[in-house]
Amino acid sequence: MLKIRLQRVGRENIPVFRVVLTDSKNSTKSGRFLEILGMFDPVKNVKEMDSERIKYWISKGAKLTDTLHNHLVGKKIISGVKINKLPKKRPIVKEVKEVKEAAPAKPEAVSESAPVQA
C-alpha cells in the first residue's frame, strides 16, 4: 500500500521534512521513496506541497498519515476535519472513586436549597 508521509531530512536540532510517496513497508528512516511531493519546515513555518500530485495519488489509493492529513486540511488542499493524533488520557482510579462519592452529595444539597427558594 502506498503512503504519503513526512520524511525528516534536516540536520540535528534543525528539522526539515519532505513530503514523500513511499511504500508502507519502507521504514521512515530508510530514505526510500517513489516521489517527492513537497517540503515542510517547522522552524520557518514553510509548507510547500504539490497539491495536484497529492490529489492524484490520493485518487489512486494512497493513504495519508494523520499529521500530513492535518497539514493538508489546514492548507485547504483536501476537505475534511482535522484528526486528533494525541493519546487519550485515562482517569486515575482514585479520582473515579472520589467522583462517585461526591456525586450523591450534590443532589441532596440542591433539594435542600430548592424549598428555601420556593
PDB file of N, CA and C in Angstrom:
ATOM      1  N   MET A   1       0.836  -1.171   0.000  1.00  0.00           N
ATOM      2  CA  MET A   1       0.000   0.000   0.000  1.00  0.00           C
ATOM      3  C   MET A   1       0.893   1.252   0.000  1.00  0.00           C
ATOM      4  N   LEU A   2       0.511   2.229  -0.766  1.00  0.00           N
ATOM      5  CA  LEU A   2       1.267   3.475  -0.845  1.00  0.00           C
ATOM      6  C   LEU A   2       0.845   4.422   0.276  1.00  0.00           C
ATOM      7  N   LYS A   3       1.817   5.138   0.818  1.00  0.00           N
ATOM      8  CA  LYS A   3       1.561   6.113   1.869  1.00  0.00           C
ATOM      9  C   LYS A   3       2.218   7.429   1.497  1.00  0.00           C
ATOM     10  N   ILE A   4       1.552   8.505   1.853  1.00  0.00           N
ATOM     11  CA  ILE A   4       2.133   9.837   1.724  1.00  0.00           C
ATOM     12  C   ILE A   4       2.460  10.272   3.139  1.00  0.00           C
ATOM     13  N   ARG A   5       3.747  10.504   3.413  1.00  0.00           N
ATOM     14  CA  ARG A   5       4.155  10.824   4.770  1.00  0.00           C
ATOM     15  C   ARG A   5       5.325  11.789   4.782  1.00  0.00           C
ATOM     16  N   LEU A   6       5.677  12.234   5.985  1.00  0.00           N
ATOM     17  CA  LEU A   6       6.801  13.138   6.168  1.00  0.00           C
ATOM     18  C   LEU A   6       8.075  12.337   6.371  1.00  0.00           C
ATOM     19  N   GLN A   7       9.164  12.787   5.758  1.00  0.00           N
ATOM     20  CA  GLN A   7      10.470  12.154   5.912  1.00  0.00           C
ATOM     21  C   GLN A   7      11.446  13.227   6.374  1.00  0.00           C
ATOM     22  N   ARG A   8      12.063  13.012   7.514  1.00  0.00           N
ATOM     23  CA  ARG A   8      12.976  14.015   8.060  1.00  0.00           C
ATOM     24  C   ARG A   8      14.289  14.010   7.292  1.00  0.00           C
ATOM     25  N   VAL A   9      14.720  15.198   6.869  1.00  0.00           N
ATOM     26  CA  VAL A   9      15.978  15.330   6.149  1.00  0.00           C
ATOM     27  C   VAL A   9      16.864  16.412   6.757  1.00  0.00           C
ATOM     28  N   GLY A  10      16.406  17.097   7.784  1.00  0.00           N
ATOM     29  CA  GLY A  10      17.170  18.196   8.362  1.00  0.00           C
ATOM     30  C   GLY A  10      18.314  17.731   9.234  1.00  0.00           C
ATOM     31  N   ARG A  11      19.167  18.671   9.599  1.00  0.00           N
ATOM     32  CA  ARG A  11      20.291  18.373  10.479  1.00  0.00           C
ATOM     33  C   ARG A  11      19.823  18.234  11.916  1.00  0.00           C
ATOM     34  N   GLU A  12      20.761  17.948  12.801  1.00  0.00           N
ATOM     35  CA  GLU A  12      20.450  17.822  14.216  1.00  0.00           C
ATOM     36  C   GLU A  12      19.955  19.163  14.751  1.00  0.00           C
ATOM     37  N   ASN A  13      18.847  19.156  15.443  1.00  0.00           N
ATOM     38  CA  ASN A  13      18.194  20.330  16.030  1.00  0.00           C
ATOM     39  C   ASN A  13      17.673  21.326  14.992  1.00  0.00           C
ATOM     40  N   ILE A  14      17.700  20.993  13.714  1.00  0.00           N
ATOM     41  CA  ILE A  14      17.124  21.843  12.666  1.00  0.00           C
ATOM     42  C   ILE A  14      16.255  20.933  11.799  1.00  0.00           C
ATOM     43  N   PRO A  15      15.029  20.653  12.223  1.00  0.00           N
ATOM     44  CA  PRO A  15      14.205  19.714  11.457  1.00  0.00           C
ATOM     45  C   PRO A  15      13.665  20.319  10.173  1.00  0.00           C
ATOM     46  N   VAL A  16      13.769  19.562   9.102  1.00  0.00           N
ATOM     47  CA  VAL A  16      13.155  19.873   7.819  1.00  0.00           C
ATOM     48  C   VAL A  16      12.598  18.557   7.308  1.00  0.00           C
ATOM     49  N   PHE A  17      11.392  18.585   6.776  1.00  0.00           N
ATOM     50  CA  PHE A  17      10.746  17.360   6.340  1.00  0.00           C
ATOM     51  C   PHE A  17      10.393  17.431   4.867  1.00  0.00           C
ATOM     52  N   ARG A  18      10.504  16.292   4.181  1.00  0.00           N
ATOM     53  CA  ARG A  18       9.988  16.135   2.822  1.00  0.00           C
ATOM     54  C   ARG A  18       8.640  15.461   2.911  1.00  0.00           C
ATOM     55  N   VAL A  19       7.758  15.815   2.005  1.00  0.00           N
ATOM     56  CA  VAL A  19       6.508  15.076   1.842  1.00  0.00           C
ATOM     57  C   VAL A  19       6.771  14.096   0.715  1.00  0.00           C
ATOM     58  N   VAL A  20       6.753  12.796   1.042  1.00  0.00           N
ATOM     59  CA  VAL A  20       7.130  11.789   0.060  1.00  0.00           C
ATOM     60  C   VAL A  20       6.039  10.737  -0.094  1.00  0.00           C
ATOM     61  N   LEU A  21       6.017  10.138  -1.277  1.00  0.00           N
ATOM     62  CA  LEU A  21       5.182   8.986  -1.561  1.00  0.00           C
ATOM     63  C   LEU A  21       6.078   7.768  -1.449  1.00  0.00           C
ATOM     64  N   THR A  22       5.691   6.815  -0.599  1.00  0.00           N
ATOM     65  CA  THR A  22       6.521   5.640  -0.380  1.00  0.00           C
ATOM     66  C   THR A  22       5.644   4.426  -0.124  1.00  0.00           C
ATOM     67  N   ASP A  23       6.250   3.258  -0.180  1.00  0.00           N
ATOM     68  CA  ASP A  23       5.543   2.035   0.165  1.00  0.00           C
ATOM     69  C   ASP A  23       5.414   1.988   1.682  1.00  0.00           C
ATOM     70  N   SER A  24       4.288   1.508   2.192  1.00  0.00           N
ATOM     71  CA  SER A  24       4.061   1.498   3.635  1.00  0.00           C
ATOM     72  C   SER A  24       5.021   0.552   4.350  1.00  0.00           C
ATOM     73  N   LYS A  25       5.604  -0.388   3.645  1.00  0.00           N
ATOM     74  CA  LYS A  25       6.532  -1.342   4.267  1.00  0.00           C
ATOM     75  C   LYS A  25       7.920  -0.741   4.470  1.00  0.00           C
ATOM     76  N   ASN A  26       8.223   0.349   3.788  1.00  0.00           N
ATOM     77  CA  ASN A  26       9.511   1.013   3.971  1.00  0.00           C
ATOM     78  C   ASN A  26       9.544   1.705   5.322  1.00  0.00           C
ATOM     79  N   SER A  27      10.683   1.669   5.971  1.00  0.00           N
ATOM     80  CA  SER A  27      10.872   2.365   7.229  1.00  0.00           C
ATOM     81  C   SER A  27      10.878   3.872   6.962  1.00  0.00           C
ATOM     82  N   THR A  28      10.513   4.648   7.981  1.00  0.00           N
ATOM     83  CA  THR A  28      10.523   6.102   7.810  1.00  0.00           C
ATOM     84  C   THR A  28      11.944   6.624   7.646  1.00  0.00           C
ATOM     85  N   LYS A  29      12.923   5.898   8.186  1.00  0.00           N
ATOM     86  CA  LYS A  29      14.312   6.349   8.102  1.00  0.00           C
ATOM     87  C   LYS A  29      15.105   5.626   7.013  1.00  0.00           C
ATOM     88  N   SER A  30      14.439   4.813   6.200  1.00  0.00           N
ATOM     89  CA  SER A  30      15.162   4.068   5.166  1.00  0.00           C
ATOM     90  C   SER A  30      15.655   4.982   4.051  1.00  0.00           C
ATOM     91  N   GLY A  31      14.948   6.088   3.812  1.00  0.00           N
ATOM     92  CA  GLY A  31      15.350   7.011   2.758  1.00  0.00           C
ATOM     93  C   GLY A  31      14.771   6.647   1.407  1.00  0.00           C
ATOM     94  N   ARG A  32      14.045   5.530   1.303  1.00  0.00           N
ATOM     95  CA  ARG A  32      13.480   5.116   0.019  1.00  0.00           C
ATOM     96  C   ARG A  32      12.109   5.756  -0.184  1.00  0.00           C
ATOM     97  N   PHE A  33      11.884   6.272  -1.360  1.00  0.00           N
ATOM     98  CA  PHE A  33      10.590   6.863  -1.702  1.00  0.00           C
ATOM     99  C   PHE A  33      10.411   6.778  -3.206  1.00  0.00           C
ATOM    100  N   LEU A  34       9.166   6.950  -3.649  1.00  0.00           N
ATOM    101  CA  LEU A  34       8.862   6.912  -5.078  1.00  0.00           C
ATOM    102  C   LEU A  34       8.856   8.304  -5.697  1.00  0.00           C
ATOM    103  N   GLU A  35       8.362   9.292  -4.912  1.00  0.00           N
ATOM    104  CA  GLU A  35       8.250  10.647  -5.459  1.00  0.00           C
ATOM    105  C   GLU A  35       8.250  11.654  -4.320  1.00  0.00           C
ATOM    106  N   ILE A  36       8.895  12.789  -4.532  1.00  0.00           N
ATOM    107  CA  ILE A  36       8.859  13.896  -3.582  1.00  0.00           C
ATOM    108  C   ILE A  36       7.680  14.787  -3.960  1.00  0.00           C
ATOM    109  N   LEU A  37       6.794  15.032  -2.985  1.00  0.00           N
ATOM    110  CA  LEU A  37       5.579  15.805  -3.252  1.00  0.00           C
ATOM    111  C   LEU A  37       5.591  17.190  -2.608  1.00  0.00           C
ATOM    112  N   GLY A  38       6.626  17.500  -1.846  1.00  0.00           N
ATOM    113  CA  GLY A  38       6.689  18.814  -1.221  1.00  0.00           C
ATOM    114  C   GLY A  38       7.680  18.827  -0.081  1.00  0.00           C
ATOM    115  N   MET A  39       7.641  19.920   0.716  1.00  0.00           N
ATOM    116  CA  MET A  39       8.518  20.037   1.875  1.00  0.00           C
ATOM    117  C   MET A  39       7.818  20.824   2.959  1.00  0.00           C
ATOM    118  N   PHE A  40       8.295  20.616   4.201  1.00  0.00           N
ATOM    119  CA  PHE A  40       7.732  21.287   5.366  1.00  0.00           C
ATOM    120  C   PHE A  40       8.879  21.676   6.289  1.00  0.00           C
ATOM    121  N   ASP A  41       8.964  22.978   6.607  1.00  0.00           N
ATOM    122  CA  ASP A  41       9.998  23.484   7.501  1.00  0.00           C
ATOM    123  C   ASP A  41       9.317  24.083   8.726  1.00  0.00           C
ATOM    124  N   PRO A  42       9.276  23.351   9.872  1.00  0.00           N
ATOM    125  CA  PRO A  42       8.573  23.866  11.050  1.00  0.00           C
ATOM    126  C   PRO A  42       9.280  25.045  11.715  1.00  0.00           C
ATOM    127  N   VAL A  43      10.585  25.220  11.500  1.00  0.00           N
ATOM    128  CA  VAL A  43      11.314  26.328  12.111  1.00  0.00           C
ATOM    129  C   VAL A  43      10.891  27.647  11.463  1.00  0.00           C
ATOM    130  N   LYS A  44      10.837  27.674  10.141  1.00  0.00           N
ATOM    131  CA  LYS A  44      10.441  28.880   9.409  1.00  0.00           C
ATOM    132  C   LYS A  44       8.954  28.891   9.082  1.00  0.00           C
ATOM    133  N   ASN A  45       8.247  27.819   9.443  1.00  0.00           N
ATOM    134  CA  ASN A  45       6.816  27.637   9.190  1.00  0.00           C
ATOM    135  C   ASN A  45       6.500  27.756   7.694  1.00  0.00           C
ATOM    136  N   VAL A  46       7.256  27.007   6.877  1.00  0.00           N
ATOM    137  CA  VAL A  46       7.074  26.995   5.435  1.00  0.00           C
ATOM    138  C   VAL A  46       6.519  25.632   5.038  1.00  0.00           C
ATOM    139  N   LYS A  47       5.403  25.657   4.292  1.00  0.00           N
ATOM    140  CA  LYS A  47       4.792  24.422   3.804  1.00  0.00           C
ATOM    141  C   LYS A  47       4.602  24.557   2.306  1.00  0.00           C
ATOM    142  N   GLU A  48       5.405  23.839   1.533  1.00  0.00           N
ATOM    143  CA  GLU A  48       5.286  23.848   0.079  1.00  0.00           C
ATOM    144  C   GLU A  48       4.923  22.441  -0.369  1.00  0.00           C
ATOM    145  N   MET A  49       3.748  22.315  -0.992  1.00  0.00           N
ATOM    146  CA  MET A  49       3.298  20.997  -1.423  1.00  0.00           C
ATOM    147  C   MET A  49       2.700  21.072  -2.810  1.00  0.00           C
ATOM    148  N   ASP A  50       2.919  20.028  -3.601  1.00  0.00           N
ATOM    149  CA  ASP A  50       2.366  19.928  -4.946  1.00  0.00           C
ATOM    150  C   ASP A  50       0.962  19.342  -4.821  1.00  0.00           C
ATOM    151  N   SER A  51      -0.034  20.221  -4.752  1.00  0.00           N
ATOM    152  CA  SER A  51      -1.407  19.784  -4.469  1.00  0.00           C
ATOM    153  C   SER A  51      -1.978  18.885  -5.561  1.00  0.00           C
ATOM    154  N   GLU A  52      -1.643  19.155  -6.810  1.00  0.00           N
ATOM    155  CA  GLU A  52      -2.176  18.328  -7.898  1.00  0.00           C
ATOM    156  C   GLU A  52      -1.667  16.895  -7.813  1.00  0.00           C
ATOM    157  N   ARG A  53      -0.366  16.719  -7.530  1.00  0.00           N
ATOM    158  CA  ARG A  53       0.195  15.365  -7.421  1.00  0.00           C
ATOM    159  C   ARG A  53      -0.334  14.645  -6.176  1.00  0.00           C
ATOM    160  N   ILE A  54      -0.523  15.388  -5.088  1.00  0.00           N
ATOM    161  CA  ILE A  54      -1.071  14.772  -3.873  1.00  0.00           C
ATOM    162  C   ILE A  54      -2.486  14.282  -4.122  1.00  0.00           C
ATOM    163  N   LYS A  55      -3.316  15.108  -4.766  1.00  0.00           N
ATOM    164  CA  LYS A  55      -4.679  14.686  -5.086  1.00  0.00           C
ATOM    165  C   LYS A  55      -4.682  13.498  -6.048  1.00  0.00           C
ATOM    166  N   TYR A  56      -3.748  13.485  -6.992  1.00  0.00           N
ATOM    167  CA  TYR A  56      -3.653  12.381  -7.933  1.00  0.00           C
ATOM    168  C   TYR A  56      -3.363  11.072  -7.197  1.00  0.00           C
ATOM    169  N   TRP A  57      -2.378  11.080  -6.307  1.00  0.00           N
ATOM    170  CA  TRP A  57      -2.012   9.849  -5.610  1.00  0.00           C
ATOM    171  C   TRP A  57      -3.086   9.419  -4.616  1.00  0.00           C
ATOM    172  N   ILE A  58      -3.803  10.377  -4.028  1.00  0.00           N
ATOM    173  CA  ILE A  58      -4.924  10.006  -3.153  1.00  0.00           C
ATOM    174  C   ILE A  58      -6.008   9.318  -3.973  1.00  0.00           C
ATOM    175  N   SER A  59      -6.249   9.805  -5.188  1.00  0.00           N
ATOM    176  CA  SER A  59      -7.253   9.172  -6.046  1.00  0.00           C
ATOM    177  C   SER A  59      -6.828   7.768  -6.476  1.00  0.00           C
ATOM    178  N   LYS A  60      -5.526   7.515  -6.508  1.00  0.00           N
ATOM    179  CA  LYS A  60      -5.013   6.188  -6.862  1.00  0.00           C
ATOM    180  C   LYS A  60      -4.996   5.238  -5.662  1.00  0.00           C
ATOM    181  N   GLY A  61      -5.342   5.738  -4.462  1.00  0.00           N
ATOM    182  CA  GLY A  61      -5.445   4.871  -3.289  1.00  0.00           C
ATOM    183  C   GLY A  61      -4.368   5.063  -2.248  1.00  0.00           C
ATOM    184  N   ALA A  62      -3.535   6.067  -2.375  1.00  0.00           N
ATOM    185  CA  ALA A  62      -2.507   6.313  -1.365  1.00  0.00           C
ATOM    186  C   ALA A  62      -3.153   6.859  -0.094  1.00  0.00           C
ATOM    187  N   LYS A  63      -2.660   6.417   1.050  1.00  0.00           N
ATOM    188  CA  LYS A  63      -3.178   6.857   2.342  1.00  0.00           C
ATOM    189  C   LYS A  63      -2.267   7.916   2.928  1.00  0.00           C
ATOM    190  N   LEU A  64      -2.857   8.865   3.664  1.00  0.00           N
ATOM    191  CA  LEU A  64      -2.109   9.933   4.313  1.00  0.00           C
ATOM    192  C   LEU A  64      -1.871   9.577   5.774  1.00  0.00           C
ATOM    193  N   THR A  65      -0.743  10.034   6.323  1.00  0.00           N
ATOM    194  CA  THR A  65      -0.560   9.923   7.768  1.00  0.00           C
ATOM    195  C   THR A  65      -1.430  10.994   8.428  1.00  0.00           C
ATOM    196  N   ASP A  66      -1.703  10.827   9.728  1.00  0.00           N
ATOM    197  CA  ASP A  66      -2.581  11.759  10.425  1.00  0.00           C
ATOM    198  C   ASP A  66      -2.020  13.178  10.443  1.00  0.00           C
ATOM    199  N   THR A  67      -0.723  13.312  10.680  1.00  0.00           N
ATOM    200  CA  THR A  67      -0.093  14.632  10.726  1.00  0.00           C
ATOM    201  C   THR A  67      -0.175  15.322   9.371  1.00  0.00           C
ATOM    202  N   LEU A  68       0.114  14.594   8.317  1.00  0.00           N
ATOM    203  CA  LEU A  68       0.067  15.174   6.980  1.00  0.00           C
ATOM    204  C   LEU A  68      -1.375  15.503   6.589  1.00  0.00           C
ATOM    205  N   HIS A  69      -2.323  14.672   6.995  1.00  0.00           N
ATOM    206  CA  HIS A  69      -3.740  14.953   6.736  1.00  0.00           C
ATOM    207  C   HIS A  69      -4.114  16.298   7.364  1.00  0.00           C
ATOM    208  N   ASN A  70      -3.670  16.536   8.610  1.00  0.00           N
ATOM    209  CA  ASN A  70      -3.980  17.802   9.289  1.00  0.00           C
ATOM    210  C   ASN A  70      -3.332  18.995   8.582  1.00  0.00           C
ATOM    211  N   HIS A  71      -2.112  18.828   8.063  1.00  0.00           N
ATOM    212  CA  HIS A  71      -1.461  19.913   7.314  1.00  0.00           C
ATOM    213  C   HIS A  71      -2.244  20.229   6.030  1.00  0.00           C
ATOM    214  N   LEU A  72      -2.690  19.200   5.328  1.00  0.00           N
ATOM    215  CA  LEU A  72      -3.410  19.411   4.066  1.00  0.00           C
ATOM    216  C   LEU A  72      -4.787  20.024   4.305  1.00  0.00           C
ATOM    217  N   VAL A  73      -5.445  19.650   5.391  1.00  0.00           N
ATOM    218  CA  VAL A  73      -6.732  20.271   5.729  1.00  0.00           C
ATOM    219  C   VAL A  73      -6.507  21.737   6.088  1.00  0.00           C
ATOM    220  N   GLY A  74      -5.419  22.028   6.807  1.00  0.00           N
ATOM    221  CA  GLY A  74      -5.094  23.410   7.178  1.00  0.00           C
ATOM    222  C   GLY A  74      -4.806  24.296   5.971  1.00  0.00           C
ATOM    223  N   LYS A  75      -4.172  23.729   4.943  1.00  0.00           N
ATOM    224  CA  LYS A  75      -3.885  24.488   3.718  1.00  0.00           C
ATOM    225  C   LYS A  75      -5.040  24.438   2.727  1.00  0.00           C
ATOM    226  N   LYS A  76      -6.116  23.714   3.070  1.00  0.00           N
ATOM    227  CA  LYS A  76      -7.317  23.567   2.249  1.00  0.00           C
ATOM    228  C   LYS A  76      -7.023  22.876   0.910  1.00  0.00           C
ATOM    229  N   ILE A  77      -6.027  21.973   0.911  1.00  0.00           N
ATOM    230  CA  ILE A  77      -5.762  21.165  -0.270  1.00  0.00           C
ATOM    231  C   ILE A  77      -6.800  20.051  -0.363  1.00  0.00           C
ATOM    232  N   ILE A  78      -7.153  19.478   0.795  1.00  0.00           N
ATOM    233  CA  ILE A  78      -8.236  18.493   0.846  1.00  0.00           C
ATOM    234  C   ILE A  78      -9.279  18.993   1.836  1.00  0.00           C
ATOM    235  N   SER A  79     -10.509  18.545   1.675  1.00  0.00           N
ATOM    236  CA  SER A  79     -11.558  18.950   2.603  1.00  0.00           C
ATOM    237  C   SER A  79     -11.708  17.859   3.662  1.00  0.00           C
ATOM    238  N   GLY A  80     -12.112  18.273   4.827  1.00  0.00           N
ATOM    239  CA  GLY A  80     -12.301  17.316   5.906  1.00  0.00           C
ATOM    240  C   GLY A  80     -12.067  17.969   7.252  1.00  0.00           C
ATOM    241  N   VAL A  81     -12.041  17.128   8.282  1.00  0.00           N
ATOM    242  CA  VAL A  81     -11.848  17.580   9.654  1.00  0.00           C
ATOM    243  C   VAL A  81     -10.481  17.102  10.118  1.00  0.00           C
ATOM    244  N   LYS A  82      -9.805  17.916  10.923  1.00  0.00           N
ATOM    245  CA  LYS A  82      -8.509  17.514  11.450  1.00  0.00           C
ATOM    246  C   LYS A  82      -8.672  16.324  12.389  1.00  0.00           C
ATOM    247  N   ILE A  83      -7.655  15.480  12.424  1.00  0.00           N
ATOM    248  CA  ILE A  83      -7.665  14.266  13.232  1.00  0.00           C
ATOM    249  C   ILE A  83      -6.857  14.521  14.494  1.00  0.00           C
ATOM    250  N   ASN A  84      -7.429  14.155  15.661  1.00  0.00           N
ATOM    251  CA  ASN A  84      -6.700  14.285  16.913  1.00  0.00           C
ATOM    252  C   ASN A  84      -5.759  13.104  17.049  1.00  0.00           C
ATOM    253  N   LYS A  85      -4.477  13.370  16.944  1.00  0.00           N
ATOM    254  CA  LYS A  85      -3.476  12.309  16.985  1.00  0.00           C
ATOM    255  C   LYS A  85      -2.936  12.083  18.384  1.00  0.00           C
ATOM    256  N   LEU A  86      -3.230  12.978  19.322  1.00  0.00           N
ATOM    257  CA  LEU A  86      -2.726  12.849  20.682  1.00  0.00           C
ATOM    258  C   LEU A  86      -3.379  11.666  21.386  1.00  0.00           C
ATOM    259  N   PRO A  87      -2.656  11.004  22.290  1.00  0.00           N
ATOM    260  CA  PRO A  87      -3.254   9.875  23.006  1.00  0.00           C
ATOM    261  C   PRO A  87      -4.324  10.354  23.973  1.00  0.00           C
ATOM    262  N   LYS A  88      -5.323   9.494  24.200  1.00  0.00           N
ATOM    263  CA  LYS A  88      -6.401   9.838  25.123  1.00  0.00           C
ATOM    264  C   LYS A  88      -5.923   9.647  26.555  1.00  0.00           C
ATOM    265  N   LYS A  89      -6.343  10.552  27.432  1.00  0.00           N
ATOM    266  CA  LYS A  89      -5.983  10.436  28.841  1.00  0.00           C
ATOM    267  C   LYS A  89      -6.960   9.490  29.524  1.00  0.00           C
ATOM    268  N   ARG A  90      -6.445   8.699  30.422  1.00  0.00           N
ATOM    269  CA  ARG A  90      -7.280   7.795  31.197  1.00  0.00           C
ATOM    270  C   ARG A  90      -7.374   8.322  32.616  1.00  0.00           C
ATOM    271  N   PRO A  91      -8.559   8.250  33.235  1.00  0.00           N
ATOM    272  CA  PRO A  91      -8.688   8.768  34.598  1.00  0.00           C
ATOM    273  C   PRO A  91      -7.927   7.896  35.596  1.00  0.00           C
ATOM    274  N   ILE A  92      -7.420   8.526  36.633  1.00  0.00           N
ATOM    275  CA  ILE A  92      -6.741   7.796  37.697  1.00  0.00           C
ATOM    276  C   ILE A  92      -7.809   7.127  38.549  1.00  0.00           C
ATOM    277  N   VAL A  93      -7.537   5.930  39.028  1.00  0.00           N
ATOM    278  CA  VAL A  93      -8.525   5.134  39.755  1.00  0.00           C
ATOM    279  C   VAL A  93      -9.011   5.862  40.994  1.00  0.00           C
ATOM    280  N   LYS A  94      -8.139   6.558  41.722  1.00  0.00           N
ATOM    281  CA  LYS A  94      -8.528   7.271  42.937  1.00  0.00           C
ATOM    282  C   LYS A  94      -9.515   8.387  42.620  1.00  0.00           C
ATOM    283  N   GLU A  95      -9.324   9.090  41.523  1.00  0.00           N
ATOM    284  CA  GLU A  95     -10.232  10.174  41.153  1.00  0.00           C
ATOM    285  C   GLU A  95     -11.622   9.646  40.826  1.00  0.00           C
ATOM    286  N   VAL A  96     -11.708   8.479  40.235  1.00  0.00           N
ATOM    287  CA  VAL A  96     -13.005   7.916  39.881  1.00  0.00           C
ATOM    288  C   VAL A  96     -13.797   7.606  41.142  1.00  0.00           C
ATOM    289  N   LYS A  97     -13.164   7.081  42.183  1.00  0.00           N
ATOM    290  CA  LYS A  97     -13.851   6.778  43.442  1.00  0.00           C
ATOM    291  C   LYS A  97     -14.324   8.051  44.108  1.00  0.00           C
ATOM    292  N   GLU A  98     -13.513   9.108  44.098  1.00  0.00           N
ATOM    293  CA  GLU A  98     -13.896  10.373  44.702  1.00  0.00           C
ATOM    294  C   GLU A  98     -15.074  10.998  43.974  1.00  0.00           C
ATOM    295  N   VAL A  99     -15.129  10.875  42.688  1.00  0.00           N
ATOM    296  CA  VAL A  99     -16.226  11.431  41.902  1.00  0.00           C
ATOM    297  C   VAL A  99     -17.521  10.704  42.241  1.00  0.00           C
ATOM    298  N   LYS A 100     -17.468   9.375  42.394  1.00  0.00           N
ATOM    299  CA  LYS A 100     -18.659   8.606  42.730  1.00  0.00           C
ATOM    300  C   LYS A 100     -19.194   8.982  44.105  1.00  0.00           C
ATOM    301  N   GLU A 101     -18.309   9.223  45.083  1.00  0.00           N
ATOM    302  CA  GLU A 101     -18.740   9.611  46.424  1.00  0.00           C
ATOM    303  C   GLU A 101     -19.308  11.022  46.436  1.00  0.00           C
ATOM    304  N   ALA A 102     -18.755  11.909  45.655  1.00  0.00           N
ATOM    305  CA  ALA A 102     -19.193  13.301  45.628  1.00  0.00           C
ATOM    306  C   ALA A 102     -20.493  13.464  44.850  1.00  0.00           C
ATOM    307  N   ALA A 103     -20.781  12.607  43.907  1.00  0.00           N
ATOM    308  CA  ALA A 103     -21.966  12.755  43.065  1.00  0.00           C
ATOM    309  C   ALA A 103     -23.275  12.661  43.851  1.00  0.00           C
ATOM    310  N   PRO A 104     -23.504  11.728  44.798  1.00  0.00           N
ATOM    311  CA  PRO A 104     -24.769  11.697  45.532  1.00  0.00           C
ATOM    312  C   PRO A 104     -24.940  12.885  46.456  1.00  0.00           C
ATOM    313  N   ALA A 105     -23.872  13.483  46.946  1.00  0.00           N
ATOM    314  CA  ALA A 105     -23.977  14.601  47.870  1.00  0.00           C
ATOM    315  C   ALA A 105     -24.526  15.847  47.186  1.00  0.00           C
ATOM    316  N   LYS A 106     -24.228  16.052  45.943  1.00  0.00           N
ATOM    317  CA  LYS A 106     -24.674  17.251  45.244  1.00  0.00           C
ATOM    318  C   LYS A 106     -26.194  17.303  45.050  1.00  0.00           C
ATOM    319  N   PRO A 107     -26.882  16.210  44.662  1.00  0.00           N
ATOM    320  CA  PRO A 107     -28.332  16.308  44.516  1.00  0.00           C
ATOM    321  C   PRO A 107     -29.049  16.587  45.836  1.00  0.00           C
ATOM    322  N   GLU A 108     -28.527  16.099  46.971  1.00  0.00           N
ATOM    323  CA  GLU A 108     -29.152  16.386  48.257  1.00  0.00           C
ATOM    324  C   GLU A 108     -29.042  17.865  48.590  1.00  0.00           C
ATOM    325  N   ALA A 109     -27.902  18.459  48.303  1.00  0.00           N
ATOM    326  CA  ALA A 109     -27.709  19.882  48.567  1.00  0.00           C
ATOM    327  C   ALA A 109     -28.648  20.711  47.708  1.00  0.00           C
ATOM    328  N   VAL A 110     -28.901  20.296  46.495  1.00  0.00           N
ATOM    329  CA  VAL A 110     -29.805  21.019  45.606  1.00  0.00           C
ATOM    330  C   VAL A 110     -31.231  20.895  46.122  1.00  0.00           C
ATOM    331  N   SER A 111     -31.630  19.702  46.601  1.00  0.00           N
ATOM    332  CA  SER A 111     -33.004  19.516  47.069  1.00  0.00           C
ATOM    333  C   SER A 111     -33.259  20.293  48.340  1.00  0.00           C
ATOM    334  N   GLU A 112     -32.240  20.485  49.208  1.00  0.00           N
ATOM    335  CA  GLU A 112     -32.419  21.271  50.421  1.00  0.00           C
ATOM    336  C   GLU A 112     -32.550  22.752  50.085  1.00  0.00           C
ATOM    337  N   SER A 113     -31.821  23.193  49.082  1.00  0.00           N
ATOM    338  CA  SER A 113     -31.871  24.621  48.767  1.00  0.00           C
ATOM    339  C   SER A 113     -33.136  24.952  47.946  1.00  0.00           C
ATOM    340  N   ALA A 114     -33.746  23.957  47.309  1.00  0.00           N
ATOM    341  CA  ALA A 114     -34.931  24.210  46.493  1.00  0.00           C
ATOM    342  C   ALA A 114     -36.120  24.682  47.343  1.00  0.00           C
ATOM    343  N   PRO A 115     -36.462  24.079  48.498  1.00  0.00           N
ATOM    344  CA  PRO A 115     -37.589  24.576  49.289  1.00  0.00           C
ATOM    345  C   PRO A 115     -37.341  25.961  49.846  1.00  0.00           C
ATOM    346  N   VAL A 116     -36.103  26.308  50.138  1.00  0.00           N
ATOM    347  CA  VAL A 116     -35.791  27.623  50.673  1.00  0.00           C
ATOM    348  C   VAL A 116     -36.086  28.691  49.634  1.00  0.00           C
ATOM    349  N   GLN A 117     -35.765  28.402  48.361  1.00  0.00           N
ATOM    350  CA  GLN A 117     -36.011  29.379  47.313  1.00  0.00           C
ATOM    351  C   GLN A 117     -37.491  29.478  46.994  1.00  0.00           C
ATOM    352  N   ALA A 118     -38.253  28.432  47.169  1.00  0.00           N
ATOM    353  CA  ALA A 118     -39.668  28.425  46.803  1.00  0.00           C
ATOM    354  C   ALA A 118     -40.564  29.103  47.777  1.00  0.00           C
TER     355      ALA A 118
END
